[in-house]
Every structure is written in C-alpha cells, then in structure tokens.
N, C-alpha and C. Protein backbone atom coordinates (compact mmCIF):
# COMPACT_ATOMS: atom_id res chain seq x y z
N UNK A 1 0.83 -1.18 0.00
CA UNK A 1 0.00 0.00 0.00
C UNK A 1 0.88 1.25 0.00
N UNK A 2 0.58 2.21 -0.88
CA UNK A 2 1.41 3.41 -0.96
C UNK A 2 1.04 4.39 0.15
N UNK A 3 2.01 5.22 0.50
CA UNK A 3 1.78 6.20 1.56
C UNK A 3 0.98 7.37 1.00
N UNK A 4 0.18 7.98 1.86
CA UNK A 4 -0.62 9.12 1.44
C UNK A 4 -0.15 10.38 2.16
N UNK A 5 -0.40 11.50 1.53
CA UNK A 5 0.01 12.79 2.09
C UNK A 5 -0.85 13.10 3.31
N UNK A 6 -0.15 13.38 4.41
CA UNK A 6 -0.76 13.81 5.66
C UNK A 6 0.31 14.53 6.46
N UNK A 7 -0.06 15.15 7.55
CA UNK A 7 0.91 15.87 8.37
C UNK A 7 2.09 14.97 8.71
N UNK A 8 3.29 15.54 8.59
CA UNK A 8 4.51 14.82 8.93
C UNK A 8 5.11 14.01 7.80
N UNK A 9 4.46 13.97 6.65
CA UNK A 9 5.00 13.24 5.50
C UNK A 9 5.85 14.18 4.66
N UNK A 10 6.96 13.66 4.17
CA UNK A 10 7.80 14.40 3.23
C UNK A 10 7.20 14.21 1.85
N UNK A 11 7.00 15.31 1.13
CA UNK A 11 6.37 15.28 -0.19
C UNK A 11 7.28 15.96 -1.20
N UNK A 12 7.44 15.34 -2.36
CA UNK A 12 8.10 15.98 -3.49
C UNK A 12 7.11 16.03 -4.62
N UNK A 13 7.08 17.19 -5.29
CA UNK A 13 6.15 17.34 -6.40
C UNK A 13 6.69 18.35 -7.40
N UNK A 14 6.08 18.34 -8.57
CA UNK A 14 6.29 19.38 -9.56
C UNK A 14 4.92 19.99 -9.83
N UNK A 15 4.90 21.18 -10.39
CA UNK A 15 3.60 21.79 -10.70
C UNK A 15 3.73 22.81 -11.80
N UNK A 16 2.58 23.14 -12.36
CA UNK A 16 2.49 24.27 -13.28
C UNK A 16 1.23 25.04 -12.92
N UNK A 17 1.24 26.33 -13.23
CA UNK A 17 0.10 27.20 -12.98
C UNK A 17 -0.37 27.70 -14.34
N UNK A 18 -1.65 27.46 -14.63
CA UNK A 18 -2.23 27.81 -15.92
C UNK A 18 -3.34 28.83 -15.73
N UNK A 19 -3.37 29.83 -16.59
CA UNK A 19 -4.45 30.82 -16.58
C UNK A 19 -5.72 30.15 -17.10
N UNK A 20 -6.78 30.16 -16.31
CA UNK A 20 -8.02 29.46 -16.70
C UNK A 20 -8.66 30.07 -17.94
N UNK A 21 -8.55 31.37 -18.10
CA UNK A 21 -9.20 32.03 -19.23
C UNK A 21 -8.46 31.76 -20.54
N UNK A 22 -7.14 31.95 -20.55
CA UNK A 22 -6.37 31.81 -21.79
C UNK A 22 -5.79 30.42 -22.01
N UNK A 23 -5.62 29.67 -20.92
CA UNK A 23 -4.99 28.36 -21.02
C UNK A 23 -3.47 28.42 -21.04
N UNK A 24 -2.90 29.63 -20.99
CA UNK A 24 -1.44 29.77 -21.03
C UNK A 24 -0.81 29.33 -19.70
N UNK A 25 0.33 28.67 -19.79
CA UNK A 25 1.09 28.30 -18.60
C UNK A 25 1.80 29.55 -18.11
N UNK A 26 1.52 29.96 -16.87
CA UNK A 26 2.11 31.16 -16.29
C UNK A 26 3.45 30.88 -15.63
N UNK A 27 3.54 29.73 -15.00
CA UNK A 27 4.80 29.33 -14.38
C UNK A 27 4.81 27.81 -14.29
N UNK A 28 6.02 27.27 -14.22
CA UNK A 28 6.18 25.82 -14.17
C UNK A 28 7.39 25.51 -13.29
N UNK A 29 7.22 24.56 -12.39
CA UNK A 29 8.33 24.08 -11.55
C UNK A 29 8.55 22.63 -11.93
N UNK A 30 9.64 22.39 -12.68
CA UNK A 30 9.90 21.04 -13.19
C UNK A 30 10.86 20.26 -12.30
N UNK A 31 11.66 20.97 -11.49
CA UNK A 31 12.54 20.27 -10.56
C UNK A 31 11.71 19.94 -9.33
N UNK A 32 11.97 18.81 -8.69
CA UNK A 32 11.14 18.44 -7.53
C UNK A 32 11.22 19.47 -6.41
N UNK A 33 10.06 19.87 -5.95
CA UNK A 33 9.92 20.78 -4.82
C UNK A 33 9.57 19.90 -3.63
N UNK A 34 10.41 19.92 -2.58
CA UNK A 34 10.19 19.06 -1.43
C UNK A 34 9.84 19.85 -0.19
N UNK A 35 8.92 19.32 0.59
CA UNK A 35 8.52 19.97 1.84
C UNK A 35 7.92 18.92 2.77
N UNK A 36 7.77 19.29 4.05
CA UNK A 36 7.11 18.41 5.02
C UNK A 36 5.69 18.91 5.21
N UNK A 37 4.73 18.08 4.85
CA UNK A 37 3.33 18.46 4.89
C UNK A 37 2.91 18.76 6.34
N UNK A 38 2.27 19.92 6.51
CA UNK A 38 1.83 20.35 7.83
C UNK A 38 2.89 21.09 8.61
N UNK A 39 4.12 21.17 8.09
CA UNK A 39 5.20 21.85 8.80
C UNK A 39 5.77 23.01 8.00
N UNK A 40 5.57 23.01 6.71
CA UNK A 40 6.11 24.06 5.86
C UNK A 40 5.10 24.31 4.76
N UNK A 41 4.17 25.19 5.02
CA UNK A 41 3.10 25.46 4.06
C UNK A 41 3.63 26.40 2.98
N UNK A 42 4.14 25.82 1.90
CA UNK A 42 4.77 26.59 0.85
C UNK A 42 3.81 26.94 -0.29
N UNK A 43 2.67 26.32 -0.30
CA UNK A 43 1.66 26.59 -1.31
C UNK A 43 0.41 27.14 -0.64
N UNK A 44 -0.56 27.57 -1.42
CA UNK A 44 -1.80 28.10 -0.87
C UNK A 44 -2.48 27.04 -0.01
N UNK A 45 -3.17 27.45 1.06
CA UNK A 45 -3.86 26.48 1.92
C UNK A 45 -4.79 25.54 1.15
N UNK A 46 -5.49 26.06 0.15
CA UNK A 46 -6.40 25.20 -0.62
C UNK A 46 -5.64 24.13 -1.40
N UNK A 47 -4.42 24.43 -1.81
CA UNK A 47 -3.60 23.43 -2.51
C UNK A 47 -3.16 22.36 -1.52
N UNK A 48 -2.72 22.77 -0.33
CA UNK A 48 -2.33 21.80 0.69
C UNK A 48 -3.50 20.89 1.06
N UNK A 49 -4.68 21.46 1.18
CA UNK A 49 -5.86 20.64 1.52
C UNK A 49 -6.15 19.64 0.41
N UNK A 50 -6.01 20.07 -0.84
CA UNK A 50 -6.29 19.16 -1.97
C UNK A 50 -5.26 18.04 -2.06
N UNK A 51 -4.05 18.27 -1.54
CA UNK A 51 -3.00 17.24 -1.57
C UNK A 51 -3.23 16.16 -0.51
N UNK A 52 -3.95 16.50 0.56
CA UNK A 52 -4.21 15.53 1.64
C UNK A 52 -4.78 14.23 1.06
N UNK A 53 -4.21 13.11 1.47
CA UNK A 53 -4.71 11.80 1.07
C UNK A 53 -4.24 11.32 -0.29
N UNK A 54 -3.50 12.16 -1.03
CA UNK A 54 -2.99 11.75 -2.35
C UNK A 54 -1.69 10.98 -2.18
N UNK A 55 -1.31 10.24 -3.24
CA UNK A 55 -0.12 9.38 -3.21
C UNK A 55 0.83 9.71 -4.35
N UNK A 56 2.05 9.20 -4.25
CA UNK A 56 3.03 9.35 -5.34
C UNK A 56 2.41 8.78 -6.61
N UNK A 57 2.59 9.52 -7.71
CA UNK A 57 2.02 9.11 -8.99
C UNK A 57 0.72 9.82 -9.31
N UNK A 58 0.06 10.39 -8.30
CA UNK A 58 -1.18 11.12 -8.54
C UNK A 58 -0.89 12.48 -9.17
N UNK A 59 -1.79 12.93 -10.03
CA UNK A 59 -1.77 14.28 -10.57
C UNK A 59 -3.12 14.90 -10.24
N UNK A 60 -3.09 16.11 -9.67
CA UNK A 60 -4.34 16.77 -9.30
C UNK A 60 -4.37 18.18 -9.90
N UNK A 61 -5.58 18.69 -10.07
CA UNK A 61 -5.79 20.06 -10.52
C UNK A 61 -6.55 20.80 -9.43
N UNK A 62 -6.05 21.98 -9.07
CA UNK A 62 -6.67 22.77 -8.02
C UNK A 62 -6.92 24.18 -8.56
N UNK A 63 -8.19 24.56 -8.75
CA UNK A 63 -8.48 25.93 -9.20
C UNK A 63 -8.24 26.91 -8.06
N UNK A 64 -7.67 28.07 -8.40
CA UNK A 64 -7.37 29.11 -7.42
C UNK A 64 -7.89 30.44 -7.96
N UNK A 65 -8.55 31.20 -7.11
CA UNK A 65 -8.97 32.55 -7.46
C UNK A 65 -7.95 33.51 -6.87
N UNK A 66 -7.17 34.14 -7.73
CA UNK A 66 -6.13 35.07 -7.28
C UNK A 66 -6.66 36.19 -6.42
N UNK A 67 -7.91 36.59 -6.63
CA UNK A 67 -8.50 37.64 -5.81
C UNK A 67 -8.67 37.21 -4.37
N UNK A 68 -8.96 35.92 -4.14
CA UNK A 68 -9.12 35.44 -2.77
C UNK A 68 -7.80 35.43 -2.02
N UNK A 69 -6.73 35.14 -2.73
CA UNK A 69 -5.42 35.05 -2.08
C UNK A 69 -4.75 36.42 -1.96
N UNK A 70 -4.79 37.19 -3.04
CA UNK A 70 -4.04 38.46 -3.07
C UNK A 70 -4.92 39.70 -3.07
N UNK A 71 -6.24 39.51 -3.13
CA UNK A 71 -7.14 40.64 -3.22
C UNK A 71 -7.25 41.12 -4.67
N UNK A 72 -8.13 42.07 -4.91
CA UNK A 72 -8.29 42.57 -6.28
C UNK A 72 -7.08 43.40 -6.70
N UNK A 73 -6.93 43.55 -8.01
CA UNK A 73 -5.84 44.39 -8.51
C UNK A 73 -5.98 45.80 -7.95
N UNK A 74 -4.85 46.40 -7.64
CA UNK A 74 -4.81 47.76 -7.14
C UNK A 74 -4.05 48.59 -8.16
N UNK A 75 -4.79 49.34 -8.97
CA UNK A 75 -4.16 50.12 -10.05
C UNK A 75 -3.24 51.22 -9.52
N UNK A 76 -3.36 51.58 -8.24
CA UNK A 76 -2.45 52.59 -7.69
C UNK A 76 -1.04 52.02 -7.50
N UNK A 77 -0.88 50.71 -7.69
CA UNK A 77 0.45 50.08 -7.61
C UNK A 77 1.11 49.95 -8.98
N UNK A 78 0.53 50.59 -9.99
CA UNK A 78 1.10 50.59 -11.34
C UNK A 78 1.62 52.00 -11.62
N UNK A 79 2.92 52.09 -11.94
CA UNK A 79 3.56 53.38 -12.17
C UNK A 79 4.26 53.41 -13.51
N UNK A 80 4.18 54.55 -14.18
CA UNK A 80 4.92 54.76 -15.43
C UNK A 80 5.80 55.99 -15.22
N UNK A 81 7.05 55.88 -15.66
CA UNK A 81 8.00 56.98 -15.50
C UNK A 81 8.76 57.16 -16.81
N UNK A 82 9.39 58.32 -16.95
CA UNK A 82 10.23 58.58 -18.12
C UNK A 82 11.43 57.64 -18.08
N UNK A 83 11.77 57.09 -19.22
CA UNK A 83 12.84 56.09 -19.30
C UNK A 83 14.17 56.64 -18.78
N UNK A 84 14.44 57.94 -18.96
CA UNK A 84 15.72 58.50 -18.50
C UNK A 84 15.83 58.51 -16.97
N UNK A 85 14.72 58.36 -16.26
CA UNK A 85 14.74 58.29 -14.79
C UNK A 85 15.00 56.88 -14.26
N UNK A 86 15.11 55.92 -15.16
CA UNK A 86 15.23 54.52 -14.76
C UNK A 86 16.61 54.00 -15.15
N UNK A 87 17.37 53.45 -14.18
CA UNK A 87 18.70 52.90 -14.52
C UNK A 87 18.60 51.80 -15.59
N UNK A 88 19.64 51.71 -16.42
CA UNK A 88 19.70 50.73 -17.52
C UNK A 88 19.34 49.31 -17.09
N UNK A 89 19.85 48.89 -15.93
CA UNK A 89 19.68 47.49 -15.51
C UNK A 89 18.22 47.11 -15.25
N UNK A 90 17.34 48.09 -15.17
CA UNK A 90 15.91 47.80 -14.94
C UNK A 90 15.08 47.88 -16.22
N UNK A 91 15.70 48.12 -17.34
CA UNK A 91 14.98 48.32 -18.60
C UNK A 91 14.76 47.01 -19.36
N UNK A 92 14.14 46.07 -18.67
CA UNK A 92 13.82 44.78 -19.30
C UNK A 92 12.53 44.25 -18.68
N UNK A 93 11.58 43.87 -19.54
CA UNK A 93 10.31 43.33 -19.05
C UNK A 93 10.58 42.08 -18.22
N UNK A 94 9.93 42.01 -17.06
CA UNK A 94 10.11 40.87 -16.16
C UNK A 94 11.09 41.13 -15.04
N UNK A 95 11.85 42.21 -15.12
CA UNK A 95 12.81 42.54 -14.08
C UNK A 95 12.08 42.91 -12.79
N UNK A 96 12.54 42.38 -11.68
CA UNK A 96 11.95 42.67 -10.38
C UNK A 96 12.74 43.79 -9.72
N UNK A 97 12.03 44.77 -9.20
CA UNK A 97 12.65 45.91 -8.54
C UNK A 97 12.07 46.03 -7.13
N UNK A 98 12.92 46.00 -6.11
CA UNK A 98 12.46 46.16 -4.73
C UNK A 98 12.49 47.65 -4.41
N UNK A 99 11.33 48.19 -4.06
CA UNK A 99 11.23 49.63 -3.77
C UNK A 99 10.81 49.82 -2.31
N UNK A 100 11.21 50.96 -1.77
CA UNK A 100 10.89 51.29 -0.38
C UNK A 100 10.16 52.62 -0.34
N UNK A 101 9.07 52.67 0.46
CA UNK A 101 8.34 53.94 0.58
C UNK A 101 8.92 54.78 1.71
N UNK A 102 8.35 55.96 1.93
CA UNK A 102 8.89 56.87 2.95
C UNK A 102 8.71 56.35 4.38
N UNK A 103 7.91 55.29 4.57
CA UNK A 103 7.73 54.67 5.89
C UNK A 103 8.67 53.48 6.09
N UNK A 104 9.53 53.21 5.10
CA UNK A 104 10.47 52.10 5.20
C UNK A 104 9.91 50.75 4.80
N UNK A 105 8.67 50.73 4.30
CA UNK A 105 8.05 49.48 3.85
C UNK A 105 8.53 49.17 2.44
N UNK A 106 8.80 47.89 2.18
CA UNK A 106 9.28 47.50 0.85
C UNK A 106 8.22 46.70 0.11
N UNK A 107 8.28 46.76 -1.20
CA UNK A 107 7.38 46.00 -2.07
C UNK A 107 8.14 45.72 -3.37
N UNK A 108 7.91 44.55 -3.89
CA UNK A 108 8.53 44.17 -5.16
C UNK A 108 7.64 44.61 -6.31
N UNK A 109 8.24 45.24 -7.30
CA UNK A 109 7.55 45.66 -8.51
C UNK A 109 8.18 44.93 -9.70
N UNK A 110 7.37 44.63 -10.69
CA UNK A 110 7.83 43.96 -11.90
C UNK A 110 7.70 44.93 -13.07
N UNK A 111 8.76 45.00 -13.88
CA UNK A 111 8.70 45.81 -15.09
C UNK A 111 7.77 45.08 -16.07
N UNK A 112 6.69 45.77 -16.46
CA UNK A 112 5.70 45.14 -17.34
C UNK A 112 5.75 45.68 -18.76
N UNK A 113 6.34 46.88 -18.95
CA UNK A 113 6.36 47.46 -20.28
C UNK A 113 7.40 48.57 -20.32
N UNK A 114 8.07 48.71 -21.46
CA UNK A 114 8.90 49.88 -21.66
C UNK A 114 9.06 50.12 -23.16
N UNK A 115 9.35 51.38 -23.48
CA UNK A 115 9.61 51.76 -24.87
C UNK A 115 10.70 52.83 -24.83
N UNK A 116 10.86 53.57 -25.90
CA UNK A 116 11.92 54.58 -25.96
C UNK A 116 11.69 55.75 -25.01
N UNK A 117 10.44 55.93 -24.55
CA UNK A 117 10.13 57.09 -23.73
C UNK A 117 9.75 56.78 -22.29
N UNK A 118 9.10 55.62 -22.04
CA UNK A 118 8.59 55.34 -20.70
C UNK A 118 8.87 53.90 -20.27
N UNK A 119 8.75 53.67 -18.95
CA UNK A 119 8.86 52.34 -18.36
C UNK A 119 7.74 52.21 -17.34
N UNK A 120 7.05 51.05 -17.34
CA UNK A 120 5.93 50.81 -16.42
C UNK A 120 6.27 49.64 -15.50
N UNK A 121 6.01 49.83 -14.20
CA UNK A 121 6.18 48.77 -13.21
C UNK A 121 4.84 48.51 -12.54
N UNK A 122 4.67 47.26 -12.05
CA UNK A 122 3.42 46.85 -11.41
C UNK A 122 3.76 46.17 -10.09
N UNK A 123 3.18 46.68 -8.99
CA UNK A 123 3.41 46.12 -7.65
C UNK A 123 2.40 45.07 -7.24
N UNK A 124 1.44 44.76 -8.12
CA UNK A 124 0.46 43.71 -7.83
C UNK A 124 1.12 42.34 -8.02
N UNK A 125 0.69 41.36 -7.25
CA UNK A 125 1.15 40.00 -7.49
C UNK A 125 0.70 39.59 -8.88
N UNK A 126 1.56 38.90 -9.66
CA UNK A 126 1.18 38.52 -11.03
C UNK A 126 -0.09 37.67 -11.12
N UNK A 127 -0.48 36.98 -10.04
CA UNK A 127 -1.70 36.17 -10.06
C UNK A 127 -2.92 36.94 -9.57
N UNK A 128 -2.72 38.16 -9.12
CA UNK A 128 -3.80 39.00 -8.63
C UNK A 128 -4.82 39.22 -9.75
N UNK A 129 -6.08 39.00 -9.43
CA UNK A 129 -7.13 39.23 -10.40
C UNK A 129 -7.30 38.13 -11.43
N UNK A 130 -6.56 37.05 -11.30
CA UNK A 130 -6.64 35.96 -12.27
C UNK A 130 -7.23 34.71 -11.63
N UNK A 131 -7.92 33.96 -12.45
CA UNK A 131 -8.36 32.63 -12.05
C UNK A 131 -7.36 31.66 -12.67
N UNK A 132 -6.72 30.85 -11.84
CA UNK A 132 -5.68 29.95 -12.33
C UNK A 132 -5.96 28.52 -11.86
N UNK A 133 -5.25 27.60 -12.46
CA UNK A 133 -5.34 26.20 -12.07
C UNK A 133 -3.92 25.71 -11.77
N UNK A 134 -3.72 25.17 -10.57
CA UNK A 134 -2.48 24.50 -10.23
C UNK A 134 -2.63 23.05 -10.67
N UNK A 135 -1.70 22.55 -11.47
CA UNK A 135 -1.66 21.14 -11.84
C UNK A 135 -0.41 20.59 -11.17
N UNK A 136 -0.61 19.70 -10.19
CA UNK A 136 0.49 19.17 -9.38
C UNK A 136 0.67 17.69 -9.64
N UNK A 137 1.92 17.29 -9.86
CA UNK A 137 2.26 15.88 -10.01
C UNK A 137 3.05 15.46 -8.78
N UNK A 138 2.52 14.51 -8.02
CA UNK A 138 3.16 14.07 -6.79
C UNK A 138 4.17 12.99 -7.13
N UNK A 139 5.42 13.22 -6.75
CA UNK A 139 6.51 12.30 -7.08
C UNK A 139 6.87 11.36 -5.93
N UNK A 140 6.88 11.90 -4.71
CA UNK A 140 7.32 11.14 -3.54
C UNK A 140 6.44 11.46 -2.35
N UNK A 141 6.09 10.42 -1.59
CA UNK A 141 5.44 10.59 -0.29
C UNK A 141 6.07 9.56 0.63
N UNK A 142 6.67 10.05 1.73
CA UNK A 142 7.32 9.14 2.68
C UNK A 142 7.36 9.82 4.03
N UNK A 143 7.73 9.04 5.06
CA UNK A 143 7.90 9.63 6.39
C UNK A 143 9.05 10.63 6.32
N UNK A 144 8.88 11.78 6.95
CA UNK A 144 9.94 12.77 7.01
C UNK A 144 10.96 12.36 8.06
N UNK A 145 12.21 12.70 7.83
CA UNK A 145 13.24 12.47 8.84
C UNK A 145 13.08 13.51 9.94
N UNK A 146 13.77 13.31 11.05
CA UNK A 146 13.71 14.29 12.14
C UNK A 146 14.22 15.65 11.68
N UNK A 147 15.33 15.64 10.92
CA UNK A 147 15.89 16.91 10.43
C UNK A 147 14.91 17.60 9.48
N UNK A 148 14.26 16.85 8.60
CA UNK A 148 13.29 17.44 7.68
C UNK A 148 12.10 18.02 8.44
N UNK A 149 11.65 17.32 9.46
CA UNK A 149 10.53 17.81 10.26
C UNK A 149 10.93 19.09 10.98
N UNK A 150 12.15 19.14 11.50
CA UNK A 150 12.63 20.33 12.21
C UNK A 150 12.70 21.54 11.28
N UNK A 151 13.20 21.34 10.05
CA UNK A 151 13.36 22.47 9.13
C UNK A 151 12.16 22.69 8.23
N UNK A 152 11.35 21.65 8.07
CA UNK A 152 10.18 21.76 7.20
C UNK A 152 10.47 21.54 5.74
N UNK A 153 11.72 21.15 5.42
CA UNK A 153 12.10 20.98 4.01
C UNK A 153 13.15 19.89 3.87
N UNK A 154 13.49 19.60 2.63
CA UNK A 154 14.48 18.56 2.34
C UNK A 154 15.84 18.95 2.90
N UNK A 155 16.55 17.96 3.39
CA UNK A 155 17.92 18.15 3.85
C UNK A 155 18.82 17.51 2.80
N UNK A 156 19.71 18.30 2.22
CA UNK A 156 20.59 17.80 1.19
C UNK A 156 21.89 17.36 1.85
N UNK A 157 22.19 16.08 1.72
CA UNK A 157 23.40 15.53 2.32
C UNK A 157 24.61 16.21 1.70
N UNK A 158 25.50 16.68 2.56
CA UNK A 158 26.72 17.33 2.08
C UNK A 158 26.56 18.83 1.88
N UNK A 159 25.34 19.34 1.96
CA UNK A 159 25.12 20.77 1.80
C UNK A 159 25.42 21.47 3.11
N UNK A 160 25.92 22.71 3.03
CA UNK A 160 26.21 23.48 4.23
C UNK A 160 24.93 23.90 4.94
N UNK A 161 23.90 24.22 4.16
CA UNK A 161 22.63 24.62 4.74
C UNK A 161 21.51 24.00 3.91
N UNK A 162 20.36 23.86 4.54
CA UNK A 162 19.20 23.35 3.81
C UNK A 162 18.71 24.43 2.87
N UNK A 163 18.16 24.06 1.71
CA UNK A 163 17.64 25.08 0.81
C UNK A 163 16.45 25.78 1.45
N UNK A 164 16.34 27.05 1.23
CA UNK A 164 15.15 27.72 1.75
C UNK A 164 14.14 27.84 0.64
N UNK A 165 12.88 27.66 1.00
CA UNK A 165 11.82 27.68 0.01
C UNK A 165 11.04 28.97 0.14
N UNK A 166 10.72 29.55 -0.98
CA UNK A 166 9.92 30.75 -0.98
C UNK A 166 8.46 30.38 -0.76
N UNK A 167 7.76 31.21 -0.08
CA UNK A 167 6.32 30.99 0.08
C UNK A 167 5.67 31.25 -1.27
N UNK A 168 5.06 30.21 -1.80
CA UNK A 168 4.43 30.31 -3.10
C UNK A 168 2.95 30.54 -2.93
N UNK A 169 2.34 30.85 -3.99
CA UNK A 169 0.92 31.13 -4.00
C UNK A 169 0.17 30.29 -3.03
C-alpha cells in the first residue's frame, strides 16, 4: 500500500500554474519541490488541503482565485515613469525591482512594459485578479526524517545549509 500525504509526511512534487481564461502556462516548476506536509506550508492552503490523502504518482488540478489570495488588482500600484529616470539594468520586461516607501516598507515591482520614452512597473502579485489552475504531479510521499521535520524541508546531504523555500501562491 502506498503512503498518502498527511501531516509529517515528506512530499516531493512538480507543478504548473495555468491561466483558466487563456490556457497559457504562467509558471512551471519542473525540478522536484520538497517539503514536510503540515510543517512548511509553501503553497496556498487550498492546494495543501487538496494534496491531503494523495499518493506518489497522482496528478491533481486545483483551481485558485487570485482575488481570494491576493485581493483585487490595485491600479495605484502601477507606475509609469520617463525612461531616463530609470537605470539601464531595470529596462527589461520581467525585471523585479524592490522599492521602499517613505515609511520604510518594501514592495517588489515587476517591469511590465517599456519603450523609448517610458517604463511601467506593477506592484500587484502577477496572479492577482486571475483565475488559475495548479496542476500538481506528486513524485514522492514518505515519512519525514527528524531533520526534515525540524526544518520543514528537504535536507541535502553534504550541503552546508538546507535550501530555503519561498512561500508560493
């Protein structure tokens, strides 16, 4: 009998995120992403709930409403400036720029458009306002080691430190 995903199990999976309206793949993680279920919530809570009880070899689809996770788009987080005010290294679509306001709060902005005269950045999460589908392929389900449970992620033998995982959608 194969093991099923539940708290304390080490899980490895790959996934892709598809826009429900256009069908375009927005992002894809093809290398195995490993975590300890119930100890390191790296995906949206609804994705973790959908993974419960699944086994290695299963593929699941989980619809996500970006508005529920990130709220509606906020157009006040979209800025356009004259290109001469923007350093060369930021003049590429997809470039992430960390900005700080006068209160010391930081937010990541993505360059979404530029031409010979202007550059536009957007501080909204790229999934904000979108309906997407997570398609997850479960590769491994097993008991987590003590070290994995302590850190919430895979421990790479011979590595100086465990990899840190970004909190994903």
